[in-house]
Amino acid sequence: MAKILVVDDSPTQLTNLVKIVQGEGHEVITATNGMEGIEKAREEKPDLILMDVVMPELNGFQATRKITRDPATEQIPVILVTTKDQETDKVWGQRQGAAGYIIKPPKEAELIAKINEVLG
């Protein structure tokens, strides 16, 4: 199973995502903001990151860009999991390097399918 970093500033969303991911047997690491997410990505080298977008200080688009453009973490795929559901948000997320984009609240089957697809 994979090591997955879940980054979300909402305790409720974080708990929900962790429950889904752990239910699939994956190891989960958590971070509650974009900066902490970047630090944990560098330290823990997860196989995948689930990243919220709307967070204080450093948003998920900014954190994703930093992770996907840093030689130490560029190989880690990032799936954005967000309430931002406009097509322009999806395109912007892809331009930041995101490997996937899921609208909150995520349907469990859709999230699991995207995780499996990205992990290969």
N, C-alpha and C. Protein backbone atom coordinates (compact mmCIF):
# COMPACT_ATOMS: atom_id res chain seq x y z
N MET A 1 0.83 -1.19 0.00
CA MET A 1 0.00 0.00 0.00
C MET A 1 0.87 1.25 0.00
N ALA A 2 0.26 2.37 -0.29
CA ALA A 2 0.99 3.61 -0.47
C ALA A 2 0.99 4.48 0.79
N LYS A 3 1.96 5.40 0.83
CA LYS A 3 2.00 6.42 1.87
C LYS A 3 1.40 7.68 1.24
N ILE A 4 0.32 8.19 1.83
CA ILE A 4 -0.40 9.33 1.26
C ILE A 4 -0.45 10.48 2.25
N LEU A 5 -0.05 11.66 1.77
CA LEU A 5 -0.10 12.88 2.57
C LEU A 5 -1.41 13.59 2.26
N VAL A 6 -2.21 13.88 3.30
CA VAL A 6 -3.47 14.59 3.15
C VAL A 6 -3.28 15.99 3.76
N VAL A 7 -3.49 17.03 2.94
CA VAL A 7 -3.31 18.42 3.37
C VAL A 7 -4.66 19.13 3.32
N ASP A 8 -5.18 19.53 4.48
CA ASP A 8 -6.46 20.24 4.53
C ASP A 8 -6.54 21.00 5.85
N ASP A 9 -7.00 22.25 5.80
CA ASP A 9 -7.10 23.05 7.03
C ASP A 9 -8.40 22.81 7.79
N SER A 10 -9.34 22.09 7.19
CA SER A 10 -10.61 21.79 7.86
C SER A 10 -10.50 20.46 8.59
N PRO A 11 -10.64 20.47 9.93
CA PRO A 11 -10.56 19.20 10.68
C PRO A 11 -11.58 18.17 10.19
N THR A 12 -12.77 18.63 9.83
CA THR A 12 -13.82 17.71 9.36
C THR A 12 -13.42 17.06 8.04
N GLN A 13 -12.97 17.87 7.08
CA GLN A 13 -12.56 17.34 5.78
C GLN A 13 -11.34 16.43 5.94
N LEU A 14 -10.40 16.84 6.79
CA LEU A 14 -9.19 16.05 7.01
C LEU A 14 -9.56 14.66 7.54
N THR A 15 -10.44 14.64 8.54
CA THR A 15 -10.89 13.36 9.13
C THR A 15 -11.58 12.49 8.09
N ASN A 16 -12.43 13.10 7.28
CA ASN A 16 -13.16 12.36 6.24
C ASN A 16 -12.20 11.76 5.21
N LEU A 17 -11.24 12.55 4.74
CA LEU A 17 -10.28 12.06 3.74
C LEU A 17 -9.39 10.96 4.33
N VAL A 18 -8.94 11.16 5.56
CA VAL A 18 -8.10 10.15 6.22
C VAL A 18 -8.85 8.83 6.34
N LYS A 19 -10.13 8.91 6.72
CA LYS A 19 -10.95 7.70 6.88
C LYS A 19 -11.05 6.93 5.55
N ILE A 20 -11.29 7.65 4.47
CA ILE A 20 -11.41 7.01 3.16
C ILE A 20 -10.08 6.36 2.75
N VAL A 21 -9.00 7.11 2.90
CA VAL A 21 -7.68 6.62 2.47
C VAL A 21 -7.23 5.43 3.33
N GLN A 22 -7.40 5.55 4.64
CA GLN A 22 -7.01 4.44 5.53
C GLN A 22 -7.89 3.22 5.28
N GLY A 23 -9.14 3.45 4.91
CA GLY A 23 -10.05 2.35 4.60
C GLY A 23 -9.58 1.50 3.44
N GLU A 24 -8.74 2.09 2.59
CA GLU A 24 -8.16 1.35 1.46
C GLU A 24 -6.82 0.72 1.85
N GLY A 25 -6.43 0.87 3.12
CA GLY A 25 -5.21 0.23 3.60
C GLY A 25 -3.95 1.06 3.43
N HIS A 26 -4.08 2.32 3.05
CA HIS A 26 -2.90 3.17 2.86
C HIS A 26 -2.44 3.77 4.19
N GLU A 27 -1.14 4.06 4.26
CA GLU A 27 -0.59 4.80 5.39
C GLU A 27 -0.88 6.28 5.14
N VAL A 28 -1.29 7.00 6.18
CA VAL A 28 -1.66 8.41 6.01
C VAL A 28 -0.82 9.31 6.90
N ILE A 29 -0.35 10.40 6.30
CA ILE A 29 0.32 11.49 7.01
C ILE A 29 -0.57 12.70 6.79
N THR A 30 -0.66 13.62 7.75
CA THR A 30 -1.51 14.79 7.56
C THR A 30 -0.74 16.09 7.76
N ALA A 31 -1.26 17.13 7.12
CA ALA A 31 -0.76 18.49 7.31
C ALA A 31 -1.99 19.40 7.27
N THR A 32 -1.93 20.52 7.98
CA THR A 32 -3.11 21.38 8.08
C THR A 32 -2.98 22.70 7.32
N ASN A 33 -1.89 22.86 6.57
CA ASN A 33 -1.77 24.04 5.70
C ASN A 33 -0.73 23.76 4.61
N GLY A 34 -0.67 24.66 3.64
CA GLY A 34 0.21 24.46 2.50
C GLY A 34 1.68 24.38 2.86
N MET A 35 2.15 25.26 3.75
CA MET A 35 3.57 25.23 4.14
C MET A 35 3.93 23.91 4.82
N GLU A 36 3.07 23.48 5.74
CA GLU A 36 3.31 22.21 6.43
C GLU A 36 3.27 21.06 5.42
N GLY A 37 2.38 21.17 4.43
CA GLY A 37 2.30 20.14 3.39
C GLY A 37 3.60 20.01 2.60
N ILE A 38 4.19 21.16 2.26
CA ILE A 38 5.47 21.15 1.53
C ILE A 38 6.56 20.52 2.39
N GLU A 39 6.62 20.91 3.68
CA GLU A 39 7.63 20.36 4.60
C GLU A 39 7.47 18.85 4.74
N LYS A 40 6.23 18.39 4.94
CA LYS A 40 5.99 16.95 5.10
C LYS A 40 6.33 16.20 3.80
N ALA A 41 6.04 16.81 2.64
CA ALA A 41 6.38 16.17 1.37
C ALA A 41 7.88 15.95 1.28
N ARG A 42 8.65 16.94 1.69
CA ARG A 42 10.12 16.83 1.64
C ARG A 42 10.64 15.80 2.64
N GLU A 43 10.07 15.81 3.85
CA GLU A 43 10.53 14.91 4.92
C GLU A 43 10.10 13.47 4.68
N GLU A 44 8.83 13.27 4.37
CA GLU A 44 8.23 11.94 4.35
C GLU A 44 8.28 11.25 2.99
N LYS A 45 8.45 12.03 1.90
CA LYS A 45 8.45 11.48 0.54
C LYS A 45 7.25 10.54 0.31
N PRO A 46 6.02 11.07 0.45
CA PRO A 46 4.85 10.22 0.24
C PRO A 46 4.73 9.78 -1.22
N ASP A 47 3.93 8.77 -1.46
CA ASP A 47 3.69 8.28 -2.82
C ASP A 47 2.68 9.16 -3.55
N LEU A 48 1.87 9.90 -2.78
CA LEU A 48 0.79 10.72 -3.34
C LEU A 48 0.40 11.78 -2.32
N ILE A 49 -0.08 12.93 -2.82
CA ILE A 49 -0.58 13.99 -1.94
C ILE A 49 -2.00 14.34 -2.35
N LEU A 50 -2.90 14.41 -1.36
CA LEU A 50 -4.25 14.95 -1.56
C LEU A 50 -4.22 16.36 -0.97
N MET A 51 -4.44 17.37 -1.81
CA MET A 51 -4.24 18.76 -1.42
C MET A 51 -5.51 19.59 -1.53
N ASP A 52 -5.90 20.21 -0.42
CA ASP A 52 -6.99 21.18 -0.45
C ASP A 52 -6.47 22.42 -1.17
N VAL A 53 -7.37 23.27 -1.68
CA VAL A 53 -6.94 24.49 -2.34
C VAL A 53 -7.11 25.71 -1.43
N VAL A 54 -8.29 25.87 -0.83
CA VAL A 54 -8.57 27.07 -0.05
C VAL A 54 -8.03 26.88 1.38
N MET A 55 -6.84 27.46 1.61
CA MET A 55 -6.19 27.39 2.93
C MET A 55 -5.52 28.73 3.19
N PRO A 56 -5.36 29.09 4.47
CA PRO A 56 -4.68 30.35 4.79
C PRO A 56 -3.18 30.27 4.48
N GLU A 57 -2.56 31.42 4.42
CA GLU A 57 -1.13 31.57 4.15
C GLU A 57 -0.77 31.13 2.73
N LEU A 58 -0.58 29.85 2.53
CA LEU A 58 -0.19 29.32 1.23
C LEU A 58 -1.31 28.42 0.73
N ASN A 59 -1.97 28.79 -0.36
CA ASN A 59 -3.09 27.97 -0.82
C ASN A 59 -2.59 26.71 -1.54
N GLY A 60 -3.52 25.83 -1.84
CA GLY A 60 -3.16 24.54 -2.45
C GLY A 60 -2.56 24.66 -3.84
N PHE A 61 -2.97 25.67 -4.61
CA PHE A 61 -2.36 25.89 -5.93
C PHE A 61 -0.89 26.25 -5.76
N GLN A 62 -0.60 27.16 -4.82
CA GLN A 62 0.78 27.59 -4.58
C GLN A 62 1.63 26.42 -4.05
N ALA A 63 1.07 25.67 -3.10
CA ALA A 63 1.81 24.54 -2.52
C ALA A 63 2.07 23.47 -3.58
N THR A 64 1.07 23.21 -4.43
CA THR A 64 1.23 22.22 -5.50
C THR A 64 2.34 22.65 -6.45
N ARG A 65 2.34 23.91 -6.82
CA ARG A 65 3.38 24.43 -7.72
C ARG A 65 4.76 24.24 -7.11
N LYS A 66 4.91 24.57 -5.81
CA LYS A 66 6.21 24.42 -5.15
C LYS A 66 6.64 22.94 -5.10
N ILE A 67 5.70 22.06 -4.80
CA ILE A 67 6.02 20.63 -4.70
C ILE A 67 6.39 20.05 -6.07
N THR A 68 5.61 20.39 -7.10
CA THR A 68 5.84 19.78 -8.42
C THR A 68 7.02 20.41 -9.16
N ARG A 69 7.54 21.53 -8.64
CA ARG A 69 8.69 22.18 -9.30
C ARG A 69 9.97 22.07 -8.49
N ASP A 70 9.91 21.38 -7.35
CA ASP A 70 11.09 21.19 -6.49
C ASP A 70 11.70 19.84 -6.85
N PRO A 71 12.98 19.81 -7.24
CA PRO A 71 13.61 18.52 -7.61
C PRO A 71 13.49 17.44 -6.52
N ALA A 72 13.39 17.86 -5.25
CA ALA A 72 13.29 16.89 -4.15
C ALA A 72 11.91 16.24 -4.09
N THR A 73 10.88 16.89 -4.65
CA THR A 73 9.51 16.38 -4.51
C THR A 73 8.75 16.30 -5.84
N GLU A 74 9.38 16.66 -6.94
CA GLU A 74 8.66 16.76 -8.22
C GLU A 74 8.06 15.44 -8.71
N GLN A 75 8.57 14.32 -8.20
CA GLN A 75 8.05 13.02 -8.63
C GLN A 75 6.78 12.61 -7.86
N ILE A 76 6.39 13.38 -6.85
CA ILE A 76 5.21 13.05 -6.04
C ILE A 76 3.96 13.62 -6.71
N PRO A 77 3.02 12.78 -7.14
CA PRO A 77 1.80 13.31 -7.75
C PRO A 77 0.89 13.96 -6.71
N VAL A 78 0.21 15.03 -7.14
CA VAL A 78 -0.71 15.77 -6.26
C VAL A 78 -2.11 15.73 -6.88
N ILE A 79 -3.09 15.33 -6.07
CA ILE A 79 -4.49 15.41 -6.47
C ILE A 79 -5.11 16.54 -5.66
N LEU A 80 -5.67 17.54 -6.34
CA LEU A 80 -6.35 18.62 -5.64
C LEU A 80 -7.74 18.15 -5.27
N VAL A 81 -8.12 18.37 -4.01
CA VAL A 81 -9.45 18.01 -3.51
C VAL A 81 -10.03 19.30 -2.94
N THR A 82 -11.00 19.88 -3.65
CA THR A 82 -11.40 21.24 -3.34
C THR A 82 -12.87 21.53 -3.61
N THR A 83 -13.37 22.60 -3.01
CA THR A 83 -14.73 23.07 -3.28
C THR A 83 -14.77 23.92 -4.55
N LYS A 84 -13.62 24.32 -5.05
CA LYS A 84 -13.56 25.18 -6.25
C LYS A 84 -13.88 24.31 -7.48
N ASP A 85 -15.08 24.53 -8.05
CA ASP A 85 -15.53 23.61 -9.10
C ASP A 85 -15.66 24.24 -10.48
N GLN A 86 -15.02 25.38 -10.69
CA GLN A 86 -15.05 26.01 -12.02
C GLN A 86 -14.02 25.37 -12.94
N GLU A 87 -14.32 25.33 -14.22
CA GLU A 87 -13.38 24.76 -15.20
C GLU A 87 -12.04 25.50 -15.16
N THR A 88 -12.09 26.82 -14.96
CA THR A 88 -10.84 27.59 -14.89
C THR A 88 -9.97 27.14 -13.71
N ASP A 89 -10.60 26.76 -12.60
CA ASP A 89 -9.85 26.26 -11.44
C ASP A 89 -9.16 24.94 -11.79
N LYS A 90 -9.87 24.07 -12.49
CA LYS A 90 -9.30 22.77 -12.88
C LYS A 90 -8.10 22.98 -13.80
N VAL A 91 -8.25 23.85 -14.78
CA VAL A 91 -7.16 24.14 -15.71
C VAL A 91 -5.97 24.74 -14.96
N TRP A 92 -6.25 25.69 -14.06
CA TRP A 92 -5.17 26.30 -13.28
C TRP A 92 -4.47 25.24 -12.42
N GLY A 93 -5.24 24.35 -11.82
CA GLY A 93 -4.64 23.27 -11.03
C GLY A 93 -3.70 22.41 -11.87
N GLN A 94 -4.12 22.06 -13.07
CA GLN A 94 -3.27 21.28 -13.96
C GLN A 94 -1.99 22.04 -14.31
N ARG A 95 -2.14 23.35 -14.52
CA ARG A 95 -0.98 24.17 -14.86
C ARG A 95 0.01 24.27 -13.70
N GLN A 96 -0.47 24.04 -12.47
CA GLN A 96 0.42 24.05 -11.30
C GLN A 96 1.10 22.69 -11.12
N GLY A 97 0.66 21.70 -11.91
CA GLY A 97 1.28 20.39 -11.85
C GLY A 97 0.42 19.30 -11.25
N ALA A 98 -0.84 19.60 -10.93
CA ALA A 98 -1.71 18.59 -10.32
C ALA A 98 -1.99 17.44 -11.27
N ALA A 99 -1.99 16.24 -10.72
CA ALA A 99 -2.25 15.03 -11.50
C ALA A 99 -3.74 14.69 -11.53
N GLY A 100 -4.53 15.36 -10.69
CA GLY A 100 -5.95 15.10 -10.64
C GLY A 100 -6.67 16.21 -9.91
N TYR A 101 -7.99 16.24 -10.06
CA TYR A 101 -8.81 17.31 -9.47
C TYR A 101 -10.15 16.72 -9.08
N ILE A 102 -10.47 16.78 -7.79
CA ILE A 102 -11.72 16.21 -7.29
C ILE A 102 -12.46 17.28 -6.49
N ILE A 103 -13.78 17.37 -6.72
CA ILE A 103 -14.61 18.35 -6.04
C ILE A 103 -15.08 17.80 -4.69
N LYS A 104 -15.03 18.67 -3.65
CA LYS A 104 -15.53 18.31 -2.32
C LYS A 104 -17.04 18.51 -2.27
N PRO A 105 -17.73 17.76 -1.44
CA PRO A 105 -17.18 16.59 -0.73
C PRO A 105 -16.97 15.45 -1.73
N PRO A 106 -15.84 14.77 -1.62
CA PRO A 106 -15.55 13.74 -2.62
C PRO A 106 -16.46 12.52 -2.45
N LYS A 107 -16.87 11.97 -3.59
CA LYS A 107 -17.56 10.68 -3.54
C LYS A 107 -16.46 9.65 -3.30
N GLU A 108 -16.67 8.79 -2.31
CA GLU A 108 -15.62 7.84 -1.92
C GLU A 108 -15.11 7.03 -3.10
N ALA A 109 -16.02 6.50 -3.92
CA ALA A 109 -15.60 5.67 -5.06
C ALA A 109 -14.78 6.47 -6.06
N GLU A 110 -15.17 7.72 -6.28
CA GLU A 110 -14.43 8.58 -7.23
C GLU A 110 -13.03 8.87 -6.71
N LEU A 111 -12.92 9.18 -5.42
CA LEU A 111 -11.62 9.47 -4.81
C LEU A 111 -10.72 8.25 -4.87
N ILE A 112 -11.24 7.09 -4.51
CA ILE A 112 -10.45 5.86 -4.54
C ILE A 112 -10.00 5.53 -5.96
N ALA A 113 -10.90 5.70 -6.92
CA ALA A 113 -10.56 5.43 -8.32
C ALA A 113 -9.44 6.36 -8.79
N LYS A 114 -9.51 7.64 -8.43
CA LYS A 114 -8.48 8.61 -8.85
C LYS A 114 -7.15 8.29 -8.18
N ILE A 115 -7.18 7.94 -6.89
CA ILE A 115 -5.96 7.56 -6.18
C ILE A 115 -5.31 6.36 -6.87
N ASN A 116 -6.11 5.33 -7.16
CA ASN A 116 -5.59 4.12 -7.81
C ASN A 116 -5.04 4.44 -9.20
N GLU A 117 -5.75 5.30 -9.93
CA GLU A 117 -5.30 5.69 -11.29
C GLU A 117 -3.94 6.39 -11.22
N VAL A 118 -3.81 7.35 -10.30
CA VAL A 118 -2.58 8.13 -10.21
C VAL A 118 -1.42 7.29 -9.68
N LEU A 119 -1.72 6.39 -8.76
CA LEU A 119 -0.65 5.53 -8.23
C LEU A 119 -0.25 4.46 -9.25
N GLY A 120 -1.13 4.23 -10.23
CA GLY A 120 -0.80 3.26 -11.28
C GLY A 120 -0.99 1.86 -10.80
